[in-house]
């Protein structure tokens, strides 16, 4: 773990770059180069640093994104049976 904010800032930049690279390889190219476990470790380290050093958090961080671009290879389909369980994903 980084000891001071300058070290943390450098590591945060490295982690964001690595995570974006692995996101692209996984989501856009369907060709991951690290295991899910290794990815989760990188992501957790970034979350921990952004929590420990709130000034380093930013809206463009991978920790602030929701989803990604779907692969062009995935075609949209119509479900023959409605996926009603999706209605249960939100509570009031």
PDB file of N, CA and C in Angstrom:
ATOM      1  N   UNK A   1       0.854  -1.186   0.000  1.00  0.00           N
ATOM      2  CA  UNK A   1       0.000   0.000   0.000  1.00  0.00           C
ATOM      3  C   UNK A   1       0.888   1.234   0.000  1.00  0.00           C
ATOM      4  N   UNK A   2       0.485   2.216  -0.703  1.00  0.00           N
ATOM      5  CA  UNK A   2       1.246   3.461  -0.795  1.00  0.00           C
ATOM      6  C   UNK A   2       1.309   4.146   0.565  1.00  0.00           C
ATOM      7  N   UNK A   3       2.462   4.749   0.856  1.00  0.00           N
ATOM      8  CA  UNK A   3       2.650   5.375   2.159  1.00  0.00           C
ATOM      9  C   UNK A   3       2.230   6.837   2.181  1.00  0.00           C
ATOM     10  N   UNK A   4       2.379   7.533   1.080  1.00  0.00           N
ATOM     11  CA  UNK A   4       1.984   8.936   1.055  1.00  0.00           C
ATOM     12  C   UNK A   4       1.165   9.226  -0.201  1.00  0.00           C
ATOM     13  N   UNK A   5       0.620  10.427  -0.240  1.00  0.00           N
ATOM     14  CA  UNK A   5      -0.292  10.762  -1.335  1.00  0.00           C
ATOM     15  C   UNK A   5       0.403  10.777  -2.694  1.00  0.00           C
ATOM     16  N   UNK A   6       1.663  11.185  -2.738  1.00  0.00           N
ATOM     17  CA  UNK A   6       2.394  11.210  -4.015  1.00  0.00           C
ATOM     18  C   UNK A   6       2.576   9.797  -4.556  1.00  0.00           C
ATOM     19  N   UNK A   7       2.960   8.874  -3.681  1.00  0.00           N
ATOM     20  CA  UNK A   7       3.094   7.469  -4.098  1.00  0.00           C
ATOM     21  C   UNK A   7       1.740   6.918  -4.508  1.00  0.00           C
ATOM     22  N   UNK A   8       0.721   7.259  -3.731  1.00  0.00           N
ATOM     23  CA  UNK A   8      -0.630   6.774  -4.019  1.00  0.00           C
ATOM     24  C   UNK A   8      -1.104   7.290  -5.372  1.00  0.00           C
ATOM     25  N   UNK A   9      -0.837   8.556  -5.676  1.00  0.00           N
ATOM     26  CA  UNK A   9      -1.263   9.136  -6.951  1.00  0.00           C
ATOM     27  C   UNK A   9      -0.614   8.406  -8.122  1.00  0.00           C
ATOM     28  N   UNK A  10       0.655   8.089  -7.983  1.00  0.00           N
ATOM     29  CA  UNK A  10       1.359   7.354  -9.038  1.00  0.00           C
ATOM     30  C   UNK A  10       0.750   5.965  -9.217  1.00  0.00           C
ATOM     31  N   UNK A  11       0.506   5.298  -8.102  1.00  0.00           N
ATOM     32  CA  UNK A  11      -0.052   3.944  -8.166  1.00  0.00           C
ATOM     33  C   UNK A  11      -1.477   3.967  -8.717  1.00  0.00           C
ATOM     34  N   UNK A  12      -2.269   4.960  -8.343  1.00  0.00           N
ATOM     35  CA  UNK A  12      -3.640   5.084  -8.852  1.00  0.00           C
ATOM     36  C   UNK A  12      -3.625   5.217 -10.374  1.00  0.00           C
ATOM     37  N   UNK A  13      -2.721   6.029 -10.892  1.00  0.00           N
ATOM     38  CA  UNK A  13      -2.603   6.186 -12.349  1.00  0.00           C
ATOM     39  C   UNK A  13      -2.246   4.862 -13.009  1.00  0.00           C
ATOM     40  N   UNK A  14      -1.287   4.147 -12.418  1.00  0.00           N
ATOM     41  CA  UNK A  14      -0.884   2.841 -12.961  1.00  0.00           C
ATOM     42  C   UNK A  14      -2.054   1.866 -12.953  1.00  0.00           C
ATOM     43  N   UNK A  15      -2.765   1.812 -11.834  1.00  0.00           N
ATOM     44  CA  UNK A  15      -3.887   0.883 -11.706  1.00  0.00           C
ATOM     45  C   UNK A  15      -5.000   1.211 -12.697  1.00  0.00           C
ATOM     46  N   UNK A  16      -5.323   2.480 -12.843  1.00  0.00           N
ATOM     47  CA  UNK A  16      -6.378   2.872 -13.788  1.00  0.00           C
ATOM     48  C   UNK A  16      -6.002   2.475 -15.207  1.00  0.00           C
ATOM     49  N   UNK A  17      -4.739   2.711 -15.567  1.00  0.00           N
ATOM     50  CA  UNK A  17      -4.287   2.335 -16.910  1.00  0.00           C
ATOM     51  C   UNK A  17      -4.373   0.827 -17.115  1.00  0.00           C
ATOM     52  N   UNK A  18      -3.925   0.065 -16.114  1.00  0.00           N
ATOM     53  CA  UNK A  18      -3.965  -1.398 -16.219  1.00  0.00           C
ATOM     54  C   UNK A  18      -5.400  -1.899 -16.312  1.00  0.00           C
ATOM     55  N   UNK A  19      -6.262  -1.373 -15.468  1.00  0.00           N
ATOM     56  CA  UNK A  19      -7.656  -1.823 -15.446  1.00  0.00           C
ATOM     57  C   UNK A  19      -8.347  -1.491 -16.767  1.00  0.00           C
ATOM     58  N   UNK A  20      -8.119  -0.300 -17.290  1.00  0.00           N
ATOM     59  CA  UNK A  20      -8.722   0.060 -18.587  1.00  0.00           C
ATOM     60  C   UNK A  20      -8.232  -0.861 -19.699  1.00  0.00           C
ATOM     61  N   UNK A  21      -6.948  -1.178 -19.679  1.00  0.00           N
ATOM     62  CA  UNK A  21      -6.388  -2.103 -20.664  1.00  0.00           C
ATOM     63  C   UNK A  21      -7.074  -3.463 -20.560  1.00  0.00           C
ATOM     64  N   UNK A  22      -7.192  -3.973 -19.341  1.00  0.00           N
ATOM     65  CA  UNK A  22      -7.806  -5.288 -19.152  1.00  0.00           C
ATOM     66  C   UNK A  22      -9.305  -5.261 -19.430  1.00  0.00           C
ATOM     67  N   UNK A  23      -9.959  -4.145 -19.149  1.00  0.00           N
ATOM     68  CA  UNK A  23     -11.378  -4.009 -19.512  1.00  0.00           C
ATOM     69  C   UNK A  23     -11.548  -4.115 -21.025  1.00  0.00           C
ATOM     70  N   UNK A  24     -10.702  -3.396 -21.760  1.00  0.00           N
ATOM     71  CA  UNK A  24     -10.791  -3.441 -23.224  1.00  0.00           C
ATOM     72  C   UNK A  24     -10.543  -4.856 -23.729  1.00  0.00           C
ATOM     73  N   UNK A  25      -9.528  -5.513 -23.214  1.00  0.00           N
ATOM     74  CA  UNK A  25      -9.223  -6.871 -23.669  1.00  0.00           C
ATOM     75  C   UNK A  25     -10.361  -7.832 -23.353  1.00  0.00           C
ATOM     76  N   UNK A  26     -10.974  -7.662 -22.211  1.00  0.00           N
ATOM     77  CA  UNK A  26     -12.039  -8.572 -21.783  1.00  0.00           C
ATOM     78  C   UNK A  26     -13.363  -8.267 -22.482  1.00  0.00           C
ATOM     79  N   UNK A  27     -13.804  -7.006 -22.401  1.00  0.00           N
ATOM     80  CA  UNK A  27     -15.140  -6.656 -22.876  1.00  0.00           C
ATOM     81  C   UNK A  27     -15.226  -6.391 -24.374  1.00  0.00           C
ATOM     82  N   UNK A  28     -14.203  -5.773 -24.945  1.00  0.00           N
ATOM     83  CA  UNK A  28     -14.281  -5.382 -26.352  1.00  0.00           C
ATOM     84  C   UNK A  28     -13.606  -6.372 -27.289  1.00  0.00           C
ATOM     85  N   UNK A  29     -12.545  -7.017 -26.808  1.00  0.00           N
ATOM     86  CA  UNK A  29     -11.801  -7.930 -27.672  1.00  0.00           C
ATOM     87  C   UNK A  29     -12.073  -9.402 -27.368  1.00  0.00           C
ATOM     88  N   UNK A  30     -12.749  -9.672 -26.234  1.00  0.00           N
ATOM     89  CA  UNK A  30     -13.005 -11.051 -25.792  1.00  0.00           C
ATOM     90  C   UNK A  30     -11.716 -11.857 -25.753  1.00  0.00           C
ATOM     91  N   UNK A  31     -10.651 -11.215 -25.260  1.00  0.00           N
ATOM     92  CA  UNK A  31      -9.339 -11.858 -25.203  1.00  0.00           C
ATOM     93  C   UNK A  31      -8.616 -11.449 -23.917  1.00  0.00           C
ATOM     94  N   UNK A  32      -9.145 -11.866 -22.756  1.00  0.00           N
ATOM     95  CA  UNK A  32      -8.513 -11.465 -21.496  1.00  0.00           C
ATOM     96  C   UNK A  32      -7.097 -12.022 -21.373  1.00  0.00           C
ATOM     97  N   UNK A  33      -6.248 -11.266 -20.681  1.00  0.00           N
ATOM     98  CA  UNK A  33      -4.858 -11.692 -20.505  1.00  0.00           C
ATOM     99  C   UNK A  33      -4.491 -11.897 -19.045  1.00  0.00           C
ATOM    100  N   UNK A  34      -5.449 -11.667 -18.134  1.00  0.00           N
ATOM    101  CA  UNK A  34      -5.223 -11.979 -16.725  1.00  0.00           C
ATOM    102  C   UNK A  34      -6.454 -12.710 -16.200  1.00  0.00           C
ATOM    103  N   UNK A  35      -6.284 -13.360 -15.066  1.00  0.00           N
ATOM    104  CA  UNK A  35      -7.399 -14.082 -14.457  1.00  0.00           C
ATOM    105  C   UNK A  35      -8.357 -13.092 -13.797  1.00  0.00           C
ATOM    106  N   UNK A  36      -9.569 -13.542 -13.551  1.00  0.00           N
ATOM    107  CA  UNK A  36     -10.534 -12.711 -12.834  1.00  0.00           C
ATOM    108  C   UNK A  36      -9.995 -12.353 -11.452  1.00  0.00           C
ATOM    109  N   UNK A  37      -9.342 -13.293 -10.820  1.00  0.00           N
ATOM    110  CA  UNK A  37      -8.781 -13.058  -9.486  1.00  0.00           C
ATOM    111  C   UNK A  37      -7.750 -11.931  -9.518  1.00  0.00           C
ATOM    112  N   UNK A  38      -6.859 -11.960 -10.507  1.00  0.00           N
ATOM    113  CA  UNK A  38      -5.843 -10.911 -10.620  1.00  0.00           C
ATOM    114  C   UNK A  38      -6.485  -9.556 -10.923  1.00  0.00           C
ATOM    115  N   UNK A  39      -7.494  -9.557 -11.779  1.00  0.00           N
ATOM    116  CA  UNK A  39      -8.220  -8.319 -12.082  1.00  0.00           C
ATOM    117  C   UNK A  39      -8.867  -7.779 -10.807  1.00  0.00           C
ATOM    118  N   UNK A  40      -9.517  -8.651 -10.054  1.00  0.00           N
ATOM    119  CA  UNK A  40     -10.181  -8.228  -8.820  1.00  0.00           C
ATOM    120  C   UNK A  40      -9.192  -7.638  -7.824  1.00  0.00           C
ATOM    121  N   UNK A  41      -7.984  -8.172  -7.777  1.00  0.00           N
ATOM    122  CA  UNK A  41      -6.949  -7.625  -6.885  1.00  0.00           C
ATOM    123  C   UNK A  41      -6.565  -6.205  -7.300  1.00  0.00           C
ATOM    124  N   UNK A  42      -6.372  -5.997  -8.601  1.00  0.00           N
ATOM    125  CA  UNK A  42      -6.049  -4.654  -9.092  1.00  0.00           C
ATOM    126  C   UNK A  42      -7.177  -3.682  -8.749  1.00  0.00           C
ATOM    127  N   UNK A  43      -8.399  -4.102  -9.010  1.00  0.00           N
ATOM    128  CA  UNK A  43      -9.569  -3.260  -8.776  1.00  0.00           C
ATOM    129  C   UNK A  43      -9.705  -2.920  -7.292  1.00  0.00           C
ATOM    130  N   UNK A  44      -9.529  -3.919  -6.430  1.00  0.00           N
ATOM    131  CA  UNK A  44      -9.640  -3.687  -4.985  1.00  0.00           C
ATOM    132  C   UNK A  44      -8.558  -2.732  -4.501  1.00  0.00           C
ATOM    133  N   UNK A  45      -7.348  -2.889  -5.021  1.00  0.00           N
ATOM    134  CA  UNK A  45      -6.272  -1.976  -4.633  1.00  0.00           C
ATOM    135  C   UNK A  45      -6.629  -0.540  -5.018  1.00  0.00           C
ATOM    136  N   UNK A  46      -7.203  -0.352  -6.197  1.00  0.00           N
ATOM    137  CA  UNK A  46      -7.614   0.983  -6.627  1.00  0.00           C
ATOM    138  C   UNK A  46      -8.712   1.530  -5.722  1.00  0.00           C
ATOM    139  N   UNK A  47      -9.709   0.724  -5.420  1.00  0.00           N
ATOM    140  CA  UNK A  47     -10.786   1.153  -4.519  1.00  0.00           C
ATOM    141  C   UNK A  47     -10.207   1.555  -3.167  1.00  0.00           C
ATOM    142  N   UNK A  48      -9.301   0.736  -2.643  1.00  0.00           N
ATOM    143  CA  UNK A  48      -8.700   1.024  -1.338  1.00  0.00           C
ATOM    144  C   UNK A  48      -7.932   2.347  -1.351  1.00  0.00           C
ATOM    145  N   UNK A  49      -7.167   2.587  -2.416  1.00  0.00           N
ATOM    146  CA  UNK A  49      -6.401   3.835  -2.503  1.00  0.00           C
ATOM    147  C   UNK A  49      -7.322   5.045  -2.641  1.00  0.00           C
ATOM    148  N   UNK A  50      -8.373   4.915  -3.437  1.00  0.00           N
ATOM    149  CA  UNK A  50      -9.308   6.032  -3.590  1.00  0.00           C
ATOM    150  C   UNK A  50     -10.071   6.298  -2.295  1.00  0.00           C
ATOM    151  N   UNK A  51     -10.251   5.277  -1.493  1.00  0.00           N
ATOM    152  CA  UNK A  51     -10.899   5.453  -0.194  1.00  0.00           C
ATOM    153  C   UNK A  51      -9.935   6.097   0.794  1.00  0.00           C
ATOM    154  N   UNK A  52      -8.704   5.629   0.792  1.00  0.00           N
ATOM    155  CA  UNK A  52      -7.691   6.149   1.715  1.00  0.00           C
ATOM    156  C   UNK A  52      -7.288   7.586   1.366  1.00  0.00           C
ATOM    157  N   UNK A  53      -7.281   7.901   0.070  1.00  0.00           N
ATOM    158  CA  UNK A  53      -6.893   9.232  -0.402  1.00  0.00           C
ATOM    159  C   UNK A  53      -8.024   9.796  -1.272  1.00  0.00           C
ATOM    160  N   UNK A  54      -9.077  10.312  -0.650  1.00  0.00           N
ATOM    161  CA  UNK A  54     -10.261  10.762  -1.395  1.00  0.00           C
ATOM    162  C   UNK A  54      -9.972  11.804  -2.478  1.00  0.00           C
ATOM    163  N   UNK A  55      -8.920  12.599  -2.317  1.00  0.00           N
ATOM    164  CA  UNK A  55      -8.578  13.601  -3.336  1.00  0.00           C
ATOM    165  C   UNK A  55      -8.206  12.946  -4.663  1.00  0.00           C
ATOM    166  N   UNK A  56      -7.806  11.683  -4.617  1.00  0.00           N
ATOM    167  CA  UNK A  56      -7.383  10.981  -5.827  1.00  0.00           C
ATOM    168  C   UNK A  56      -8.552  10.363  -6.590  1.00  0.00           C
ATOM    169  N   UNK A  57      -9.715  10.320  -5.966  1.00  0.00           N
ATOM    170  CA  UNK A  57     -10.896   9.769  -6.643  1.00  0.00           C
ATOM    171  C   UNK A  57     -11.328  10.737  -7.740  1.00  0.00           C
ATOM    172  N   UNK A  58     -11.794  10.187  -8.856  1.00  0.00           N
ATOM    173  CA  UNK A  58     -12.261  11.047  -9.946  1.00  0.00           C
ATOM    174  C   UNK A  58     -13.408  10.367 -10.684  1.00  0.00           C
ATOM    175  N   UNK A  59     -14.260  11.162 -11.325  1.00  0.00           N
ATOM    176  CA  UNK A  59     -15.413  10.596 -12.034  1.00  0.00           C
ATOM    177  C   UNK A  59     -15.039   9.665 -13.183  1.00  0.00           C
ATOM    178  N   UNK A  60     -13.829   9.811 -13.727  1.00  0.00           N
ATOM    179  CA  UNK A  60     -13.433   8.958 -14.852  1.00  0.00           C
ATOM    180  C   UNK A  60     -12.702   7.688 -14.418  1.00  0.00           C
ATOM    181  N   UNK A  61     -12.652   7.444 -13.119  1.00  0.00           N
ATOM    182  CA  UNK A  61     -12.003   6.235 -12.614  1.00  0.00           C
ATOM    183  C   UNK A  61     -12.809   4.994 -13.001  1.00  0.00           C
ATOM    184  N   UNK A  62     -12.128   3.886 -13.269  1.00  0.00           N
ATOM    185  CA  UNK A  62     -12.852   2.634 -13.543  1.00  0.00           C
ATOM    186  C   UNK A  62     -13.773   2.222 -12.394  1.00  0.00           C
ATOM    187  N   UNK A  63     -13.502   2.723 -11.191  1.00  0.00           N
ATOM    188  CA  UNK A  63     -14.361   2.385 -10.058  1.00  0.00           C
ATOM    189  C   UNK A  63     -15.704   3.105 -10.127  1.00  0.00           C
ATOM    190  N   UNK A  64     -15.830   4.087 -11.018  1.00  0.00           N
ATOM    191  CA  UNK A  64     -17.060   4.870 -11.131  1.00  0.00           C
ATOM    192  C   UNK A  64     -17.887   4.511 -12.354  1.00  0.00           C
ATOM    193  N   UNK A  65     -17.435   3.582 -13.140  1.00  0.00           N
ATOM    194  CA  UNK A  65     -18.144   3.228 -14.371  1.00  0.00           C
ATOM    195  C   UNK A  65     -19.221   2.186 -14.097  1.00  0.00           C
ATOM    196  N   UNK A  66     -20.185   2.148 -14.994  1.00  0.00           N
ATOM    197  CA  UNK A  66     -21.232   1.131 -14.932  1.00  0.00           C
ATOM    198  C   UNK A  66     -21.281   0.459 -16.294  1.00  0.00           C
ATOM    199  N   UNK A  67     -20.849  -0.774 -16.351  1.00  0.00           N
ATOM    200  CA  UNK A  67     -20.895  -1.527 -17.602  1.00  0.00           C
ATOM    201  C   UNK A  67     -19.877  -1.059 -18.615  1.00  0.00           C
ATOM    202  N   UNK A  68     -19.980  -1.608 -19.794  1.00  0.00           N
ATOM    203  CA  UNK A  68     -19.080  -1.260 -20.879  1.00  0.00           C
ATOM    204  C   UNK A  68     -19.771  -1.480 -22.203  1.00  0.00           C
ATOM    205  N   UNK A  69     -19.044  -1.214 -23.270  1.00  0.00           N
ATOM    206  CA  UNK A  69     -19.613  -1.423 -24.599  1.00  0.00           C
ATOM    207  C   UNK A  69     -19.757  -2.921 -24.867  1.00  0.00           C
ATOM    208  N   UNK A  70     -20.898  -3.358 -25.392  1.00  0.00           N
ATOM    209  CA  UNK A  70     -21.028  -4.771 -25.755  1.00  0.00           C
ATOM    210  C   UNK A  70     -20.227  -5.069 -27.021  1.00  0.00           C
ATOM    211  N   UNK A  71     -19.791  -6.282 -27.139  1.00  0.00           N
ATOM    212  CA  UNK A  71     -19.090  -6.703 -28.348  1.00  0.00           C
ATOM    213  C   UNK A  71     -20.019  -6.633 -29.544  1.00  0.00           C
ATOM    214  N   UNK A  72     -19.488  -6.260 -30.685  1.00  0.00           N
ATOM    215  CA  UNK A  72     -20.273  -6.227 -31.916  1.00  0.00           C
ATOM    216  C   UNK A  72     -20.754  -7.626 -32.298  1.00  0.00           C
ATOM    217  N   UNK A  73     -20.030  -8.647 -31.841  1.00  0.00           N
ATOM    218  CA  UNK A  73     -20.378 -10.027 -32.183  1.00  0.00           C
ATOM    219  C   UNK A  73     -21.683 -10.477 -31.526  1.00  0.00           C
ATOM    220  N   UNK A  74     -22.127  -9.762 -30.485  1.00  0.00           N
ATOM    221  CA  UNK A  74     -23.355 -10.141 -29.810  1.00  0.00           C
ATOM    222  C   UNK A  74     -24.549  -9.507 -30.509  1.00  0.00           C
ATOM    223  N   UNK A  75     -25.421 -10.330 -31.009  1.00  0.00           N
ATOM    224  CA  UNK A  75     -26.634  -9.840 -31.663  1.00  0.00           C
ATOM    225  C   UNK A  75     -27.745  -9.715 -30.628  1.00  0.00           C
ATOM    226  N   UNK A  76     -28.644  -8.772 -30.841  1.00  0.00           N
ATOM    227  CA  UNK A  76     -29.799  -8.663 -29.963  1.00  0.00           C
ATOM    228  C   UNK A  76     -30.768  -9.785 -30.305  1.00  0.00           C
ATOM    229  N   UNK A  77     -31.401 -10.305 -29.270  1.00  0.00           N
ATOM    230  CA  UNK A  77     -32.364 -11.385 -29.481  1.00  0.00           C
ATOM    231  C   UNK A  77     -33.666 -11.063 -28.766  1.00  0.00           C
ATOM    232  N   UNK A  78     -34.701 -11.716 -29.181  1.00  0.00           N
ATOM    233  CA  UNK A  78     -35.984 -11.654 -28.498  1.00  0.00           C
ATOM    234  C   UNK A  78     -36.108 -12.922 -27.665  1.00  0.00           C
ATOM    235  N   UNK A  79     -36.410 -12.761 -26.390  1.00  0.00           N
ATOM    236  CA  UNK A  79     -36.618 -13.929 -25.539  1.00  0.00           C
ATOM    237  C   UNK A  79     -38.014 -14.483 -25.790  1.00  0.00           C
ATOM    238  N   UNK A  80     -38.087 -15.773 -26.001  1.00  0.00           N
ATOM    239  CA  UNK A  80     -39.396 -16.405 -26.222  1.00  0.00           C
ATOM    240  C   UNK A  80     -40.221 -16.395 -24.953  1.00  0.00           C
ATOM    241  N   UNK A  81     -39.531 -16.546 -23.836  1.00  0.00           N
ATOM    242  CA  UNK A  81     -40.181 -16.494 -22.530  1.00  0.00           C
ATOM    243  C   UNK A  81     -39.693 -15.222 -21.848  1.00  0.00           C
ATOM    244  N   UNK A  82     -40.601 -14.379 -21.383  1.00  0.00           N
ATOM    245  CA  UNK A  82     -40.170 -13.143 -20.731  1.00  0.00           C
ATOM    246  C   UNK A  82     -39.253 -13.427 -19.536  1.00  0.00           C
ATOM    247  N   UNK A  83     -38.240 -12.604 -19.377  1.00  0.00           N
ATOM    248  CA  UNK A  83     -37.303 -12.752 -18.266  1.00  0.00           C
ATOM    249  C   UNK A  83     -37.832 -11.953 -17.079  1.00  0.00           C
ATOM    250  N   UNK A  84     -38.876 -12.459 -16.467  1.00  0.00           N
ATOM    251  CA  UNK A  84     -39.578 -11.745 -15.408  1.00  0.00           C
ATOM    252  C   UNK A  84     -38.731 -11.542 -14.163  1.00  0.00           C
ATOM    253  N   UNK A  85     -37.739 -12.369 -13.959  1.00  0.00           N
ATOM    254  CA  UNK A  85     -36.899 -12.212 -12.776  1.00  0.00           C
ATOM    255  C   UNK A  85     -36.193 -10.863 -12.778  1.00  0.00           C
ATOM    256  N   UNK A  86     -36.027 -10.248 -13.942  1.00  0.00           N
ATOM    257  CA  UNK A  86     -35.391  -8.936 -14.006  1.00  0.00           C
ATOM    258  C   UNK A  86     -36.234  -7.871 -13.316  1.00  0.00           C
ATOM    259  N   UNK A  87     -37.529  -8.108 -13.208  1.00  0.00           N
ATOM    260  CA  UNK A  87     -38.399  -7.165 -12.508  1.00  0.00           C
ATOM    261  C   UNK A  87     -38.093  -7.114 -11.018  1.00  0.00           C
ATOM    262  N   UNK A  88     -37.435  -8.130 -10.505  1.00  0.00           N
ATOM    263  CA  UNK A  88     -37.148  -8.211  -9.076  1.00  0.00           C
ATOM    264  C   UNK A  88     -35.805  -7.595  -8.705  1.00  0.00           C
ATOM    265  N   UNK A  89     -35.166  -6.909  -9.609  1.00  0.00           N
ATOM    266  CA  UNK A  89     -33.830  -6.398  -9.319  1.00  0.00           C
ATOM    267  C   UNK A  89     -33.836  -5.103  -8.524  1.00  0.00           C
ATOM    268  N   UNK A  90     -34.980  -4.471  -8.394  1.00  0.00           N
ATOM    269  CA  UNK A  90     -35.045  -3.208  -7.670  1.00  0.00           C
ATOM    270  C   UNK A  90     -36.055  -3.308  -6.542  1.00  0.00           C
ATOM    271  N   UNK A  91     -35.712  -2.704  -5.419  1.00  0.00           N
ATOM    272  CA  UNK A  91     -36.672  -2.653  -4.320  1.00  0.00           C
ATOM    273  C   UNK A  91     -37.078  -1.200  -4.109  1.00  0.00           C
ATOM    274  N   UNK A  92     -38.234  -1.017  -3.534  1.00  0.00           N
ATOM    275  CA  UNK A  92     -38.735   0.355  -3.331  1.00  0.00           C
ATOM    276  C   UNK A  92     -38.390   0.856  -1.962  1.00  0.00           C
TER     277      UNK A  92
END
